[in-house]
Amino acid sequence: MYKVNDTVLYGAEGVCVIEEIAVKDLGGISMEYYVLKPVNRETSTIYVPTKNQKLRDKMRRILSADEIRQLIRTMPALNTIWIEDDNERKRSYREIIQSGDRDQIIRLIKTLYLHQTEVKEMGRKVHVCDERFLKEAEKILYDEFAHVLDIEPEQVLPYIFDQIESAEAEEVRQGAAS
């Protein structure tokens, strides 16, 4: 059970603060709701019924800075998840975005980034849907990382690259010391 002032990740909406837990009469039915305020969209409010398991499952605690650094270290080893069939790819990638599952979102970003690089090297354009999925996935991940690490969203990608380089350099040093 979450509490007022907890910071959570809510599906594709990103980082939100639980502003209150209140009984609201929405649509003529009185229910208890988590009232979420997205941190990057102060004018928005999201109401999540406390008794709706499916919607509550979209709420996840945000990672700590240490968990983020550990997650970044796993990125180079993650397998990509490219799907050739356009319709299947759209369906699968949409599910990943909506799930908020960070591991899958990172795999999706890696997959689409590598695909984008490959396609551009061949002088072709990336499919519009793939570009949109990449932007959505990056927004979800970068918003959370930026919030937790107290940096701007545009600083997240350089931070990730720096952390990966540092981890790889440490592995080389440890290998040389053995």
Protein backbone atom coordinates (compact mmCIF):
# COMPACT_ATOMS: atom_id res chain seq x y z
CA MET A 1 0.00 0.00 0.00
CA TYR A 2 1.34 3.37 -0.98
CA LYS A 3 1.18 6.50 1.18
CA VAL A 4 0.64 10.20 0.54
CA ASN A 5 3.84 11.87 -0.75
CA ASP A 6 5.27 8.57 -2.07
CA THR A 7 6.90 8.99 -5.47
CA VAL A 8 5.95 6.26 -7.94
CA LEU A 9 6.32 5.38 -11.58
CA TYR A 10 2.89 5.04 -13.19
CA GLY A 11 2.92 3.12 -16.47
CA ALA A 12 3.73 5.31 -19.45
CA GLU A 13 2.80 8.46 -17.47
CA GLY A 14 6.19 8.50 -15.77
CA VAL A 15 7.15 9.77 -12.33
CA CYS A 16 4.24 10.85 -10.15
CA VAL A 17 3.74 11.92 -6.54
CA ILE A 18 0.79 10.57 -4.60
CA GLU A 19 -0.85 13.84 -3.65
CA GLU A 20 -3.61 12.24 -1.62
CA ILE A 21 -5.62 9.11 -1.03
CA ALA A 22 -9.22 10.22 -1.11
CA VAL A 23 -12.75 9.04 -1.62
CA LYS A 24 -14.06 10.64 -4.80
CA ASP A 25 -17.43 10.50 -6.48
CA LEU A 26 -16.47 10.01 -10.13
CA GLY A 27 -19.20 8.92 -12.51
CA GLY A 28 -21.76 8.59 -9.72
CA ILE A 29 -19.76 5.93 -7.90
CA SER A 30 -17.96 6.72 -4.67
CA MET A 31 -14.54 5.02 -4.44
CA GLU A 32 -11.16 5.49 -2.84
CA TYR A 33 -8.46 6.70 -5.24
CA TYR A 34 -4.76 7.40 -5.28
CA VAL A 35 -4.54 10.94 -6.62
CA LEU A 36 -1.32 11.15 -8.65
CA LYS A 37 0.41 14.29 -9.90
CA PRO A 38 2.95 13.71 -12.69
CA VAL A 39 6.12 15.60 -11.72
CA ASN A 40 6.70 16.93 -15.24
CA ARG A 41 3.09 17.88 -15.97
CA GLU A 42 1.75 19.81 -12.98
CA THR A 43 -1.59 20.48 -14.69
CA SER A 44 -2.40 16.75 -14.98
CA THR A 45 -4.03 14.59 -12.34
CA ILE A 46 -4.42 10.83 -12.47
CA TYR A 47 -6.97 8.94 -10.37
CA VAL A 48 -6.14 5.31 -9.66
CA PRO A 49 -8.82 3.31 -7.81
CA THR A 50 -7.16 1.69 -4.78
CA LYS A 51 -9.22 -1.47 -5.30
CA ASN A 52 -8.43 -1.88 -9.01
CA GLN A 53 -5.54 -4.37 -9.06
CA LYS A 54 -4.87 -3.98 -12.79
CA LEU A 55 -4.40 -0.20 -12.52
CA ARG A 56 -2.53 -0.46 -9.20
CA ASP A 57 -0.10 -2.87 -10.88
CA LYS A 58 0.91 0.00 -13.18
CA MET A 59 2.20 1.83 -10.08
CA ARG A 60 5.79 0.94 -9.26
CA ARG A 61 8.15 2.34 -6.70
CA ILE A 62 10.91 4.40 -8.21
CA LEU A 63 14.43 3.05 -8.18
CA SER A 64 17.17 4.29 -5.88
CA ALA A 65 20.32 5.87 -7.33
CA ASP A 66 22.25 2.66 -6.55
CA GLU A 67 19.61 0.54 -8.32
CA ILE A 68 19.82 2.82 -11.36
CA ARG A 69 23.62 2.51 -11.49
CA GLN A 70 23.32 -1.30 -11.21
CA LEU A 71 20.71 -1.36 -13.96
CA ILE A 72 22.97 0.74 -16.20
CA ARG A 73 25.82 -1.75 -15.69
CA THR A 74 23.60 -4.54 -17.07
CA MET A 75 22.71 -2.63 -20.26
CA PRO A 76 25.60 -3.78 -22.49
CA ALA A 77 24.76 -7.46 -21.84
CA LEU A 78 21.03 -7.17 -22.54
CA ASN A 79 19.70 -8.94 -25.63
CA THR A 80 17.78 -6.95 -28.21
CA ILE A 81 14.13 -7.69 -28.98
CA TRP A 82 13.70 -6.79 -32.65
CA ILE A 83 10.54 -8.20 -34.25
CA GLU A 84 10.41 -8.30 -38.07
CA ASP A 85 6.62 -8.36 -38.45
CA ASP A 86 5.40 -4.72 -38.29
CA ASN A 87 2.04 -5.48 -36.66
CA GLU A 88 3.50 -7.87 -34.10
CA ARG A 89 6.30 -5.39 -33.33
CA LYS A 90 3.79 -2.56 -32.77
CA ARG A 91 1.65 -4.72 -30.49
CA SER A 92 4.59 -6.04 -28.50
CA TYR A 93 6.36 -2.69 -28.13
CA ARG A 94 3.11 -0.97 -27.11
CA GLU A 95 2.68 -3.59 -24.35
CA ILE A 96 6.23 -2.96 -23.14
CA ILE A 97 5.65 0.81 -22.99
CA GLN A 98 2.36 0.40 -21.14
CA SER A 99 3.82 -2.12 -18.68
CA GLY A 100 6.45 0.27 -17.33
CA ASP A 101 8.81 -2.71 -16.90
CA ARG A 102 12.22 -1.02 -16.80
CA ASP A 103 14.22 -4.05 -17.95
CA GLN A 104 11.99 -4.44 -21.00
CA ILE A 105 11.98 -0.69 -21.66
CA ILE A 106 15.79 -0.66 -21.60
CA ARG A 107 15.89 -3.63 -23.99
CA LEU A 108 13.42 -1.78 -26.23
CA ILE A 109 15.54 1.39 -26.23
CA LYS A 110 18.68 -0.61 -27.01
CA THR A 111 16.92 -2.51 -29.80
CA LEU A 112 15.46 0.58 -31.44
CA TYR A 113 18.65 2.62 -31.06
CA LEU A 114 20.73 -0.12 -32.73
CA HIS A 115 18.10 -0.58 -35.44
CA GLN A 116 18.00 3.18 -36.06
CA THR A 117 21.79 3.28 -36.40
CA GLU A 118 21.80 0.33 -38.81
CA VAL A 119 19.01 1.75 -40.98
CA LYS A 120 20.65 5.19 -41.18
CA GLU A 121 23.98 3.63 -42.19
CA MET A 122 22.15 2.01 -45.12
CA GLY A 123 20.80 5.44 -46.10
CA ARG A 124 17.20 4.58 -45.24
CA LYS A 125 14.69 6.15 -42.87
CA VAL A 126 13.43 4.62 -39.64
CA HIS A 127 9.75 3.65 -39.51
CA VAL A 128 7.69 6.38 -37.84
CA CYS A 129 6.22 3.95 -35.29
CA ASP A 130 9.69 2.79 -34.27
CA GLU A 131 10.77 6.42 -33.75
CA ARG A 132 7.69 7.06 -31.63
CA PHE A 133 8.28 3.96 -29.50
CA LEU A 134 11.90 4.99 -28.96
CA LYS A 135 10.88 8.49 -27.85
CA GLU A 136 8.19 7.16 -25.48
CA ALA A 137 10.53 4.58 -23.95
CA GLU A 138 13.30 7.14 -23.50
CA LYS A 139 10.91 9.58 -21.85
CA ILE A 140 9.73 7.01 -19.32
CA LEU A 141 13.25 5.91 -18.41
CA TYR A 142 14.94 9.30 -18.58
CA ASP A 143 12.26 11.00 -16.47
CA GLU A 144 12.73 8.49 -13.67
CA PHE A 145 16.53 8.52 -13.86
CA ALA A 146 16.60 12.34 -13.96
CA HIS A 147 14.25 12.62 -10.98
CA VAL A 148 16.18 10.15 -8.83
CA LEU A 149 19.66 11.35 -9.84
CA ASP A 150 18.63 15.01 -9.61
CA ILE A 151 19.77 15.82 -13.15
CA GLU A 152 17.99 17.13 -16.23
CA PRO A 153 16.44 14.54 -18.61
CA GLU A 154 18.86 15.57 -21.39
CA GLN A 155 21.76 14.70 -19.06
CA VAL A 156 20.61 11.11 -18.60
CA LEU A 157 22.05 9.62 -21.81
CA PRO A 158 25.54 11.11 -21.23
CA TYR A 159 25.31 9.88 -17.62
CA ILE A 160 24.47 6.35 -18.83
CA PHE A 161 27.39 6.34 -21.28
CA ASP A 162 29.73 7.61 -18.55
CA GLN A 163 28.60 4.89 -16.12
CA ILE A 164 29.06 2.16 -18.76
CA GLU A 165 32.53 3.47 -19.65
CA SER A 166 33.50 3.57 -15.97
CA ALA A 167 32.26 0.01 -15.41
CA GLU A 168 34.15 -1.24 -18.49
CA ALA A 169 37.34 0.54 -17.38
CA GLU A 170 37.00 -1.04 -13.93
CA GLU A 171 36.66 -4.50 -15.52
CA VAL A 172 39.83 -3.89 -17.56
CA ARG A 173 41.71 -2.77 -14.42
CA GLN A 174 40.53 -5.82 -12.50
CA GLY A 175 41.47 -8.11 -15.40
CA ALA A 176 44.95 -6.59 -15.57
CA ALA A 177 45.40 -7.02 -11.82
CA SER A 178 44.58 -10.74 -11.97
